[in-house]
N, C-alpha and C. Protein backbone atom coordinates (compact mmCIF):
# COMPACT_ATOMS: atom_id res chain seq x y z
N MET A 1 0.84 -1.17 0.00
CA MET A 1 0.00 0.00 0.00
C MET A 1 0.89 1.23 0.00
N VAL A 2 0.51 2.25 -0.76
CA VAL A 2 1.28 3.48 -0.84
C VAL A 2 1.09 4.27 0.45
N SER A 3 2.17 4.84 0.96
CA SER A 3 2.11 5.66 2.16
C SER A 3 2.61 7.05 1.83
N TYR A 4 1.92 8.06 2.30
CA TYR A 4 2.30 9.45 2.08
C TYR A 4 2.83 10.00 3.38
N GLN A 5 3.97 10.66 3.32
CA GLN A 5 4.60 11.20 4.52
C GLN A 5 3.93 12.51 4.89
N LYS A 6 3.42 12.58 6.09
CA LYS A 6 2.80 13.78 6.62
C LYS A 6 3.79 14.42 7.58
N ARG A 7 3.86 15.74 7.58
CA ARG A 7 4.80 16.44 8.45
C ARG A 7 4.04 17.40 9.35
N SER A 8 4.55 17.57 10.54
CA SER A 8 3.95 18.50 11.49
C SER A 8 4.35 19.92 11.13
N ALA A 9 3.82 20.90 11.87
CA ALA A 9 4.10 22.31 11.61
C ALA A 9 5.59 22.61 11.66
N ASP A 10 6.36 21.87 12.49
CA ASP A 10 7.80 22.14 12.59
C ASP A 10 8.60 21.32 11.58
N GLY A 11 7.92 20.60 10.70
CA GLY A 11 8.59 19.85 9.64
C GLY A 11 8.96 18.43 10.00
N ALA A 12 8.68 18.01 11.22
CA ALA A 12 9.02 16.65 11.64
C ALA A 12 8.07 15.65 10.99
N PRO A 13 8.59 14.50 10.58
CA PRO A 13 7.72 13.48 9.98
C PRO A 13 6.71 12.96 11.00
N GLN A 14 5.51 12.69 10.51
CA GLN A 14 4.47 12.10 11.34
C GLN A 14 4.12 10.74 10.77
N ARG A 15 3.21 10.08 11.45
CA ARG A 15 2.73 8.78 11.02
C ARG A 15 2.28 8.84 9.55
N GLY A 16 2.61 7.82 8.75
CA GLY A 16 2.22 7.78 7.35
C GLY A 16 0.71 7.76 7.18
N VAL A 17 0.25 8.35 6.11
CA VAL A 17 -1.18 8.39 5.81
C VAL A 17 -1.42 7.45 4.64
N THR A 18 -2.13 6.35 4.88
CA THR A 18 -2.39 5.38 3.83
C THR A 18 -3.64 5.74 3.06
N ARG A 19 -3.81 5.12 1.90
CA ARG A 19 -5.02 5.34 1.09
C ARG A 19 -6.26 4.95 1.89
N ARG A 20 -6.15 3.90 2.68
CA ARG A 20 -7.29 3.47 3.49
C ARG A 20 -7.69 4.56 4.49
N ARG A 21 -6.70 5.18 5.13
CA ARG A 21 -7.00 6.27 6.07
C ARG A 21 -7.61 7.46 5.34
N ILE A 22 -7.10 7.77 4.15
CA ILE A 22 -7.65 8.87 3.36
C ILE A 22 -9.10 8.56 2.99
N ALA A 23 -9.36 7.33 2.52
CA ALA A 23 -10.72 6.94 2.16
C ALA A 23 -11.64 7.01 3.37
N SER A 24 -11.15 6.59 4.52
CA SER A 24 -11.94 6.65 5.74
C SER A 24 -12.28 8.08 6.11
N ALA A 25 -11.28 8.96 6.00
CA ALA A 25 -11.51 10.38 6.31
C ALA A 25 -12.50 11.00 5.33
N LEU A 26 -12.39 10.64 4.05
CA LEU A 26 -13.34 11.17 3.06
C LEU A 26 -14.75 10.67 3.34
N ALA A 27 -14.90 9.41 3.70
CA ALA A 27 -16.21 8.86 4.02
C ALA A 27 -16.82 9.57 5.22
N ALA A 28 -15.99 9.82 6.24
CA ALA A 28 -16.49 10.52 7.44
C ALA A 28 -16.91 11.94 7.10
N THR A 29 -16.12 12.62 6.26
CA THR A 29 -16.47 13.98 5.85
C THR A 29 -17.76 13.98 5.04
N ALA A 30 -17.90 13.03 4.11
CA ALA A 30 -19.12 12.94 3.30
C ALA A 30 -20.33 12.73 4.19
N ALA A 31 -20.22 11.85 5.17
CA ALA A 31 -21.34 11.58 6.08
C ALA A 31 -21.69 12.83 6.88
N ALA A 32 -20.68 13.58 7.28
CA ALA A 32 -20.91 14.78 8.08
C ALA A 32 -21.66 15.86 7.32
N ILE A 33 -21.49 15.89 5.98
CA ILE A 33 -22.18 16.91 5.20
C ILE A 33 -23.41 16.36 4.48
N GLY A 34 -23.86 15.17 4.87
CA GLY A 34 -25.12 14.63 4.34
C GLY A 34 -24.99 13.86 3.06
N LEU A 35 -23.86 13.23 2.80
CA LEU A 35 -23.67 12.41 1.61
C LEU A 35 -23.42 10.98 2.04
N ALA A 36 -23.77 10.07 1.17
CA ALA A 36 -23.50 8.67 1.44
C ALA A 36 -22.60 8.13 0.35
N VAL A 37 -21.65 7.29 0.71
CA VAL A 37 -20.74 6.71 -0.26
C VAL A 37 -21.36 5.44 -0.79
N LEU A 38 -21.43 5.36 -2.12
CA LEU A 38 -21.98 4.18 -2.78
C LEU A 38 -20.86 3.21 -3.13
N PRO A 39 -21.17 1.94 -3.31
CA PRO A 39 -20.14 0.98 -3.71
C PRO A 39 -19.54 1.38 -5.06
N ALA A 40 -18.29 1.02 -5.28
CA ALA A 40 -17.64 1.31 -6.55
C ALA A 40 -18.46 0.73 -7.70
N GLY A 41 -18.56 1.47 -8.77
CA GLY A 41 -19.31 1.02 -9.94
C GLY A 41 -20.77 1.41 -9.92
N VAL A 42 -21.27 1.94 -8.82
CA VAL A 42 -22.66 2.39 -8.75
C VAL A 42 -22.65 3.88 -9.04
N ALA A 43 -23.21 4.26 -10.16
CA ALA A 43 -23.17 5.67 -10.56
C ALA A 43 -24.40 6.41 -10.05
N ALA A 44 -24.17 7.59 -9.53
CA ALA A 44 -25.26 8.49 -9.15
C ALA A 44 -25.72 9.22 -10.40
N ALA A 45 -26.97 9.70 -10.42
CA ALA A 45 -27.48 10.44 -11.56
C ALA A 45 -26.71 11.75 -11.68
N SER A 46 -26.12 11.97 -12.84
CA SER A 46 -25.37 13.20 -13.06
C SER A 46 -25.21 13.41 -14.55
N PRO A 47 -24.83 14.61 -14.95
CA PRO A 47 -24.54 14.84 -16.36
C PRO A 47 -23.40 13.95 -16.81
N ALA A 48 -23.36 13.63 -18.10
CA ALA A 48 -22.30 12.80 -18.62
C ALA A 48 -20.97 13.54 -18.52
N PRO A 49 -19.93 12.86 -18.07
CA PRO A 49 -18.63 13.53 -17.94
C PRO A 49 -17.95 13.72 -19.28
N VAL A 50 -17.13 14.72 -19.39
CA VAL A 50 -16.28 14.93 -20.54
C VAL A 50 -14.86 14.90 -20.00
N ASN A 51 -14.11 13.87 -20.39
CA ASN A 51 -12.74 13.68 -19.87
C ASN A 51 -12.71 13.65 -18.35
N GLY A 52 -13.72 13.02 -17.73
CA GLY A 52 -13.73 12.86 -16.29
C GLY A 52 -14.16 14.10 -15.53
N VAL A 53 -14.65 15.12 -16.24
CA VAL A 53 -15.06 16.36 -15.59
C VAL A 53 -16.52 16.66 -15.88
N VAL A 54 -17.26 17.06 -14.87
CA VAL A 54 -18.66 17.44 -15.03
C VAL A 54 -18.78 18.91 -14.65
N ALA A 55 -19.16 19.72 -15.60
CA ALA A 55 -19.41 21.15 -15.35
C ALA A 55 -18.33 21.79 -14.49
N GLY A 56 -17.08 21.50 -14.81
CA GLY A 56 -15.98 22.14 -14.10
C GLY A 56 -15.55 21.44 -12.83
N ASN A 57 -16.19 20.34 -12.48
CA ASN A 57 -15.84 19.62 -11.26
C ASN A 57 -15.30 18.24 -11.61
N VAL A 58 -14.51 17.70 -10.74
CA VAL A 58 -14.02 16.34 -10.93
C VAL A 58 -15.17 15.38 -10.71
N LEU A 59 -15.35 14.45 -11.63
CA LEU A 59 -16.44 13.49 -11.54
C LEU A 59 -16.30 12.61 -10.32
N SER A 60 -17.38 12.44 -9.60
CA SER A 60 -17.40 11.55 -8.45
C SER A 60 -18.67 10.72 -8.53
N SER A 61 -18.57 9.57 -9.18
CA SER A 61 -19.75 8.73 -9.33
C SER A 61 -19.95 7.83 -8.12
N THR A 62 -19.16 8.02 -7.07
CA THR A 62 -19.31 7.18 -5.89
C THR A 62 -19.96 7.92 -4.73
N VAL A 63 -20.46 9.13 -4.97
CA VAL A 63 -21.10 9.89 -3.91
C VAL A 63 -22.53 10.21 -4.31
N SER A 64 -23.46 9.98 -3.42
CA SER A 64 -24.86 10.25 -3.69
C SER A 64 -25.51 10.82 -2.44
N PRO A 65 -26.45 11.75 -2.61
CA PRO A 65 -27.10 12.32 -1.43
C PRO A 65 -27.89 11.27 -0.67
N ARG A 66 -27.95 11.42 0.65
CA ARG A 66 -28.74 10.46 1.42
C ARG A 66 -29.98 11.11 2.02
N SER A 67 -30.07 12.44 1.98
CA SER A 67 -31.26 13.11 2.50
C SER A 67 -32.18 13.43 1.34
N ALA A 68 -33.44 13.47 1.59
CA ALA A 68 -34.39 13.77 0.54
C ALA A 68 -35.59 14.49 1.12
N GLY A 69 -36.23 15.30 0.25
CA GLY A 69 -37.43 16.01 0.64
C GLY A 69 -38.60 15.06 0.81
N ASP A 70 -39.75 15.63 1.18
CA ASP A 70 -40.91 14.79 1.49
C ASP A 70 -41.93 14.65 0.36
N GLY A 71 -41.59 15.13 -0.84
CA GLY A 71 -42.49 14.97 -1.98
C GLY A 71 -43.52 16.07 -2.12
N THR A 72 -43.39 17.15 -1.36
CA THR A 72 -44.32 18.27 -1.47
C THR A 72 -43.56 19.52 -1.90
N ALA A 73 -44.29 20.51 -2.44
CA ALA A 73 -43.67 21.76 -2.85
C ALA A 73 -43.00 22.44 -1.64
N ALA A 74 -43.69 22.48 -0.52
CA ALA A 74 -43.12 23.09 0.69
C ALA A 74 -41.89 22.33 1.14
N GLY A 75 -41.94 21.00 1.06
CA GLY A 75 -40.79 20.18 1.44
C GLY A 75 -39.61 20.40 0.52
N ALA A 76 -39.86 20.58 -0.78
CA ALA A 76 -38.79 20.82 -1.74
C ALA A 76 -38.10 22.14 -1.44
N ILE A 77 -38.88 23.16 -1.14
CA ILE A 77 -38.30 24.47 -0.81
C ILE A 77 -37.53 24.38 0.50
N GLN A 78 -38.09 23.70 1.49
CA GLN A 78 -37.39 23.54 2.77
C GLN A 78 -36.07 22.79 2.59
N TRP A 79 -36.07 21.78 1.74
CA TRP A 79 -34.84 21.03 1.47
C TRP A 79 -33.78 21.95 0.89
N MET A 80 -34.16 22.76 -0.10
CA MET A 80 -33.21 23.68 -0.71
C MET A 80 -32.71 24.70 0.32
N GLN A 81 -33.60 25.21 1.15
CA GLN A 81 -33.19 26.16 2.19
C GLN A 81 -32.22 25.51 3.17
N ALA A 82 -32.48 24.26 3.53
CA ALA A 82 -31.61 23.55 4.47
C ALA A 82 -30.23 23.29 3.88
N HIS A 83 -30.12 23.24 2.56
CA HIS A 83 -28.84 22.97 1.90
C HIS A 83 -28.19 24.25 1.36
N THR A 84 -28.77 25.40 1.64
CA THR A 84 -28.19 26.67 1.19
C THR A 84 -26.76 26.78 1.71
N GLY A 85 -25.88 27.14 0.81
CA GLY A 85 -24.46 27.26 1.13
C GLY A 85 -23.64 26.03 0.80
N SER A 86 -24.30 24.91 0.49
CA SER A 86 -23.58 23.68 0.16
C SER A 86 -23.04 23.76 -1.26
N SER A 87 -21.73 23.58 -1.40
CA SER A 87 -21.11 23.61 -2.73
C SER A 87 -20.99 22.22 -3.34
N GLY A 88 -21.38 21.19 -2.61
CA GLY A 88 -21.26 19.82 -3.10
C GLY A 88 -22.20 19.46 -4.23
N TRP A 89 -23.10 20.35 -4.57
CA TRP A 89 -24.09 20.08 -5.62
C TRP A 89 -23.71 20.73 -6.94
N GLU A 90 -22.56 21.39 -7.01
CA GLU A 90 -22.15 22.02 -8.25
C GLU A 90 -21.99 20.95 -9.33
N GLY A 91 -22.62 21.17 -10.48
CA GLY A 91 -22.61 20.18 -11.56
C GLY A 91 -23.67 19.11 -11.40
N TYR A 92 -24.44 19.16 -10.33
CA TYR A 92 -25.46 18.15 -10.06
C TYR A 92 -26.82 18.80 -9.77
N CYS A 93 -27.17 19.84 -10.52
CA CYS A 93 -28.41 20.57 -10.25
C CYS A 93 -29.63 19.66 -10.36
N GLU A 94 -29.67 18.80 -11.36
CA GLU A 94 -30.83 17.91 -11.53
C GLU A 94 -30.97 16.97 -10.33
N MET A 95 -29.85 16.43 -9.87
CA MET A 95 -29.89 15.56 -8.71
C MET A 95 -30.37 16.32 -7.47
N ALA A 96 -29.92 17.55 -7.33
CA ALA A 96 -30.32 18.36 -6.17
C ALA A 96 -31.82 18.60 -6.16
N VAL A 97 -32.39 19.02 -7.29
CA VAL A 97 -33.83 19.32 -7.30
C VAL A 97 -34.67 18.06 -7.16
N GLU A 98 -34.20 16.96 -7.73
CA GLU A 98 -34.93 15.70 -7.54
C GLU A 98 -34.89 15.29 -6.08
N ASN A 99 -33.74 15.42 -5.44
CA ASN A 99 -33.65 15.09 -4.02
C ASN A 99 -34.53 16.01 -3.19
N ALA A 100 -34.60 17.26 -3.58
CA ALA A 100 -35.48 18.19 -2.87
C ALA A 100 -36.93 17.71 -2.90
N TRP A 101 -37.29 17.03 -3.97
CA TRP A 101 -38.64 16.48 -4.11
C TRP A 101 -38.76 15.06 -3.55
N GLY A 102 -37.66 14.50 -3.05
CA GLY A 102 -37.74 13.18 -2.43
C GLY A 102 -37.45 12.02 -3.35
N THR A 103 -36.77 12.26 -4.45
CA THR A 103 -36.43 11.20 -5.38
C THR A 103 -35.09 11.51 -6.01
N THR A 104 -34.58 10.60 -6.81
CA THR A 104 -33.36 10.86 -7.58
C THR A 104 -33.28 9.87 -8.73
N GLY A 105 -32.56 10.27 -9.78
CA GLY A 105 -32.36 9.38 -10.93
C GLY A 105 -33.49 9.37 -11.92
N VAL A 106 -34.42 10.30 -11.84
CA VAL A 106 -35.55 10.33 -12.77
C VAL A 106 -35.09 10.81 -14.14
N TRP A 107 -34.32 11.88 -14.17
CA TRP A 107 -33.83 12.46 -15.43
C TRP A 107 -32.32 12.51 -15.40
N PRO A 108 -31.65 12.24 -16.54
CA PRO A 108 -30.19 12.28 -16.56
C PRO A 108 -29.61 13.70 -16.54
N SER A 109 -30.40 14.69 -16.94
CA SER A 109 -29.90 16.07 -16.93
C SER A 109 -31.08 17.03 -16.87
N ALA A 110 -30.78 18.28 -16.57
CA ALA A 110 -31.82 19.31 -16.51
C ALA A 110 -32.48 19.52 -17.87
N ILE A 111 -31.68 19.50 -18.94
CA ILE A 111 -32.26 19.73 -20.26
C ILE A 111 -33.16 18.58 -20.68
N ASP A 112 -32.80 17.35 -20.29
CA ASP A 112 -33.68 16.20 -20.56
C ASP A 112 -34.98 16.33 -19.76
N HIS A 113 -34.88 16.83 -18.54
CA HIS A 113 -36.07 17.06 -17.70
C HIS A 113 -36.99 18.07 -18.40
N TRP A 114 -36.42 19.16 -18.89
CA TRP A 114 -37.20 20.18 -19.60
C TRP A 114 -37.89 19.57 -20.83
N TYR A 115 -37.13 18.85 -21.66
CA TYR A 115 -37.71 18.26 -22.86
C TYR A 115 -38.80 17.25 -22.51
N GLY A 116 -38.64 16.53 -21.41
CA GLY A 116 -39.68 15.61 -20.95
C GLY A 116 -40.95 16.36 -20.57
N ALA A 117 -40.77 17.50 -19.87
CA ALA A 117 -41.93 18.32 -19.50
C ALA A 117 -42.64 18.84 -20.74
N VAL A 118 -41.87 19.25 -21.75
CA VAL A 118 -42.45 19.73 -23.01
C VAL A 118 -43.22 18.59 -23.67
N GLN A 119 -42.60 17.43 -23.76
CA GLN A 119 -43.22 16.27 -24.40
C GLN A 119 -44.53 15.89 -23.74
N TYR A 120 -44.60 15.97 -22.42
CA TYR A 120 -45.80 15.57 -21.70
C TYR A 120 -46.78 16.72 -21.46
N GLY A 121 -46.53 17.87 -22.11
CA GLY A 121 -47.45 18.99 -22.02
C GLY A 121 -47.48 19.68 -20.66
N LYS A 122 -46.40 19.56 -19.89
CA LYS A 122 -46.37 20.16 -18.55
C LYS A 122 -45.44 21.36 -18.47
N ALA A 123 -44.87 21.78 -19.60
CA ALA A 123 -43.94 22.90 -19.61
C ALA A 123 -44.70 24.21 -19.84
N HIS A 124 -44.23 25.25 -19.19
CA HIS A 124 -44.79 26.59 -19.33
C HIS A 124 -43.66 27.48 -19.84
N SER A 125 -43.47 27.47 -21.15
CA SER A 125 -42.34 28.12 -21.78
C SER A 125 -42.35 29.63 -21.58
N GLY A 126 -41.23 30.16 -21.07
CA GLY A 126 -41.04 31.59 -20.92
C GLY A 126 -41.81 32.26 -19.79
N ASP A 127 -42.70 31.56 -19.10
CA ASP A 127 -43.51 32.16 -18.04
C ASP A 127 -42.61 32.46 -16.83
N PRO A 128 -42.47 33.74 -16.46
CA PRO A 128 -41.56 34.09 -15.36
C PRO A 128 -42.17 34.00 -13.96
N TYR A 129 -43.39 33.45 -13.85
CA TYR A 129 -44.04 33.38 -12.54
C TYR A 129 -44.42 31.94 -12.18
N PRO A 130 -43.44 31.10 -11.93
CA PRO A 130 -43.74 29.70 -11.57
C PRO A 130 -44.29 29.61 -10.15
N PRO A 131 -45.16 28.64 -9.90
CA PRO A 131 -45.66 28.44 -8.54
C PRO A 131 -44.59 27.84 -7.63
N ALA A 132 -44.79 27.94 -6.35
CA ALA A 132 -43.85 27.39 -5.37
C ALA A 132 -43.62 25.91 -5.63
N GLY A 133 -42.36 25.52 -5.64
CA GLY A 133 -41.99 24.12 -5.83
C GLY A 133 -41.82 23.69 -7.27
N ALA A 134 -42.22 24.54 -8.23
CA ALA A 134 -42.09 24.18 -9.65
C ALA A 134 -40.62 24.09 -10.02
N PHE A 135 -40.34 23.27 -11.01
CA PHE A 135 -38.99 23.20 -11.58
C PHE A 135 -38.84 24.37 -12.55
N VAL A 136 -37.75 25.10 -12.47
CA VAL A 136 -37.45 26.19 -13.40
C VAL A 136 -36.18 25.83 -14.15
N TYR A 137 -36.14 26.16 -15.46
CA TYR A 137 -35.08 25.66 -16.34
C TYR A 137 -34.40 26.77 -17.13
N TRP A 138 -33.11 26.52 -17.41
CA TRP A 138 -32.32 27.41 -18.25
C TRP A 138 -31.52 26.56 -19.22
N ASN A 139 -31.25 27.12 -20.39
CA ASN A 139 -30.40 26.46 -21.38
C ASN A 139 -29.04 27.15 -21.35
N ILE A 140 -28.22 26.80 -20.36
CA ILE A 140 -26.93 27.47 -20.19
C ILE A 140 -25.74 26.55 -20.47
N SER A 141 -26.01 25.30 -20.80
CA SER A 141 -24.94 24.37 -21.17
C SER A 141 -25.59 23.20 -21.89
N GLN A 142 -24.80 22.25 -22.33
CA GLN A 142 -25.39 21.09 -23.01
C GLN A 142 -26.28 20.27 -22.09
N TYR A 143 -26.12 20.44 -20.76
CA TYR A 143 -26.93 19.72 -19.79
C TYR A 143 -28.07 20.56 -19.25
N GLY A 144 -28.09 21.85 -19.58
CA GLY A 144 -29.11 22.74 -19.04
C GLY A 144 -28.86 23.04 -17.58
N HIS A 145 -29.84 23.68 -16.96
CA HIS A 145 -29.77 23.98 -15.53
C HIS A 145 -31.20 24.00 -15.00
N VAL A 146 -31.37 23.62 -13.73
CA VAL A 146 -32.70 23.55 -13.14
C VAL A 146 -32.64 23.98 -11.69
N GLY A 147 -33.73 24.58 -11.23
CA GLY A 147 -33.85 24.98 -9.84
C GLY A 147 -35.28 24.74 -9.37
N ILE A 148 -35.58 25.18 -8.15
CA ILE A 148 -36.91 25.05 -7.55
C ILE A 148 -37.45 26.46 -7.29
N ALA A 149 -38.64 26.75 -7.84
CA ALA A 149 -39.26 28.07 -7.68
C ALA A 149 -39.69 28.30 -6.24
N ASP A 150 -39.56 29.56 -5.80
CA ASP A 150 -39.98 29.90 -4.43
C ASP A 150 -41.43 30.39 -4.36
N GLY A 151 -42.07 30.58 -5.52
CA GLY A 151 -43.46 31.04 -5.57
C GLY A 151 -43.61 32.56 -5.58
N TYR A 152 -42.48 33.27 -5.53
CA TYR A 152 -42.49 34.74 -5.50
C TYR A 152 -41.68 35.34 -6.64
N GLY A 153 -41.42 34.55 -7.69
CA GLY A 153 -40.64 35.03 -8.82
C GLY A 153 -39.16 34.67 -8.74
N GLY A 154 -38.72 34.12 -7.63
CA GLY A 154 -37.34 33.70 -7.45
C GLY A 154 -37.23 32.19 -7.43
N PHE A 155 -36.05 31.72 -7.08
CA PHE A 155 -35.83 30.27 -7.07
C PHE A 155 -34.62 29.92 -6.22
N TYR A 156 -34.50 28.63 -5.90
CA TYR A 156 -33.33 28.05 -5.24
C TYR A 156 -32.66 27.12 -6.23
N SER A 157 -31.34 27.12 -6.23
CA SER A 157 -30.62 26.27 -7.15
C SER A 157 -29.16 26.17 -6.74
N SER A 158 -28.46 25.21 -7.32
CA SER A 158 -27.01 25.19 -7.20
C SER A 158 -26.48 26.29 -8.12
N SER A 159 -25.21 26.57 -8.02
CA SER A 159 -24.53 27.57 -8.85
C SER A 159 -24.95 29.01 -8.57
N ILE A 160 -25.50 29.27 -7.39
CA ILE A 160 -25.76 30.65 -6.96
C ILE A 160 -24.55 31.03 -6.10
N GLY A 161 -23.63 31.74 -6.68
CA GLY A 161 -22.40 32.07 -5.97
C GLY A 161 -21.57 30.85 -5.63
N GLY A 162 -21.63 29.79 -6.45
CA GLY A 162 -20.83 28.60 -6.23
C GLY A 162 -21.42 27.57 -5.29
N ALA A 163 -22.68 27.74 -4.92
CA ALA A 163 -23.32 26.80 -3.98
C ALA A 163 -24.83 26.86 -4.16
N ILE A 164 -25.55 26.02 -3.42
CA ILE A 164 -27.00 26.15 -3.40
C ILE A 164 -27.33 27.48 -2.76
N GLY A 165 -28.20 28.21 -3.41
CA GLY A 165 -28.57 29.52 -2.90
C GLY A 165 -29.90 29.97 -3.48
N HIS A 166 -30.25 31.21 -3.23
CA HIS A 166 -31.52 31.79 -3.68
C HIS A 166 -31.25 32.99 -4.57
N ALA A 167 -32.03 33.12 -5.62
CA ALA A 167 -31.99 34.31 -6.49
C ALA A 167 -33.41 34.85 -6.57
N ASP A 168 -33.52 36.17 -6.67
CA ASP A 168 -34.83 36.82 -6.65
C ASP A 168 -35.58 36.81 -7.97
N SER A 169 -34.92 36.40 -9.05
CA SER A 169 -35.56 36.42 -10.36
C SER A 169 -35.13 35.21 -11.18
N VAL A 170 -36.04 34.69 -11.98
CA VAL A 170 -35.69 33.57 -12.85
C VAL A 170 -34.73 34.00 -13.96
N TYR A 171 -34.51 35.29 -14.08
CA TYR A 171 -33.56 35.80 -15.07
C TYR A 171 -32.15 35.95 -14.50
N TYR A 172 -31.91 35.39 -13.34
CA TYR A 172 -30.57 35.38 -12.74
C TYR A 172 -29.58 34.74 -13.71
N PHE A 173 -29.98 33.63 -14.32
CA PHE A 173 -29.19 32.97 -15.36
C PHE A 173 -29.74 33.38 -16.72
N ALA A 174 -28.89 33.37 -17.74
CA ALA A 174 -29.31 33.65 -19.11
C ALA A 174 -30.12 32.48 -19.66
N ASN A 175 -30.85 32.73 -20.70
CA ASN A 175 -31.56 31.70 -21.47
C ASN A 175 -32.60 30.94 -20.66
N TYR A 176 -33.44 31.69 -19.94
CA TYR A 176 -34.53 31.07 -19.17
C TYR A 176 -35.48 30.37 -20.14
N LEU A 177 -35.79 29.12 -19.86
CA LEU A 177 -36.69 28.34 -20.72
C LEU A 177 -38.13 28.39 -20.24
N GLY A 178 -38.33 28.31 -18.93
CA GLY A 178 -39.68 28.27 -18.37
C GLY A 178 -39.70 27.35 -17.16
N TRP A 179 -40.90 26.88 -16.85
CA TRP A 179 -41.05 26.00 -15.68
C TRP A 179 -41.97 24.84 -16.01
N SER A 180 -41.91 23.82 -15.19
CA SER A 180 -42.84 22.70 -15.33
C SER A 180 -43.56 22.49 -14.01
N ASN A 181 -44.70 21.83 -14.11
CA ASN A 181 -45.53 21.58 -12.94
C ASN A 181 -44.71 20.99 -11.80
N PRO A 182 -44.99 21.42 -10.59
CA PRO A 182 -44.20 20.96 -9.44
C PRO A 182 -44.56 19.55 -9.00
N GLN A 183 -44.03 18.59 -9.71
CA GLN A 183 -44.23 17.19 -9.37
C GLN A 183 -43.10 16.38 -9.97
N VAL A 184 -42.86 15.23 -9.44
CA VAL A 184 -41.83 14.34 -9.94
C VAL A 184 -42.48 13.01 -10.30
N PRO A 185 -42.25 12.46 -11.50
CA PRO A 185 -41.53 13.13 -12.57
C PRO A 185 -42.39 14.22 -13.21
N ALA A 186 -41.73 15.18 -13.84
CA ALA A 186 -42.45 16.33 -14.42
C ALA A 186 -43.26 15.93 -15.62
């Protein structure tokens, strides 16, 4: 097993840090911030990686959220509020909003979610006043972007200042597409 030499503040060598200890520390950190480690080879729902990178982040198909909303619009908003400030959802907006609604893995990306809503007649294209809990969509990348409407013209989403946050207008991001009925699947 590979060992990495750790040094104290004064430069003295300390006990070696093995990959097992690193993995254990990462698992403990993930659990502390509300994530669960999945077995190797089990992929969490996320945008397809390009050269191992998803939306500017290193791909981690072994981490999946373990908390979920209660399946109601109020619960979805509460979930997003409870996760405000979390940067662990960057590149995983679809997973975040699905978890806010109490599910995951329904859609592979935000743009697929939008097209599904259009296909099933549940999309409200360009309407800037989505009801509380509705999914709101933008075409800002090949995977799109999605958030949860607050019912007052704003929304909660990842990528608000680098983390889950709140914006007062659906025009916070460019290329607003519209919203779909607040239910899963849309």
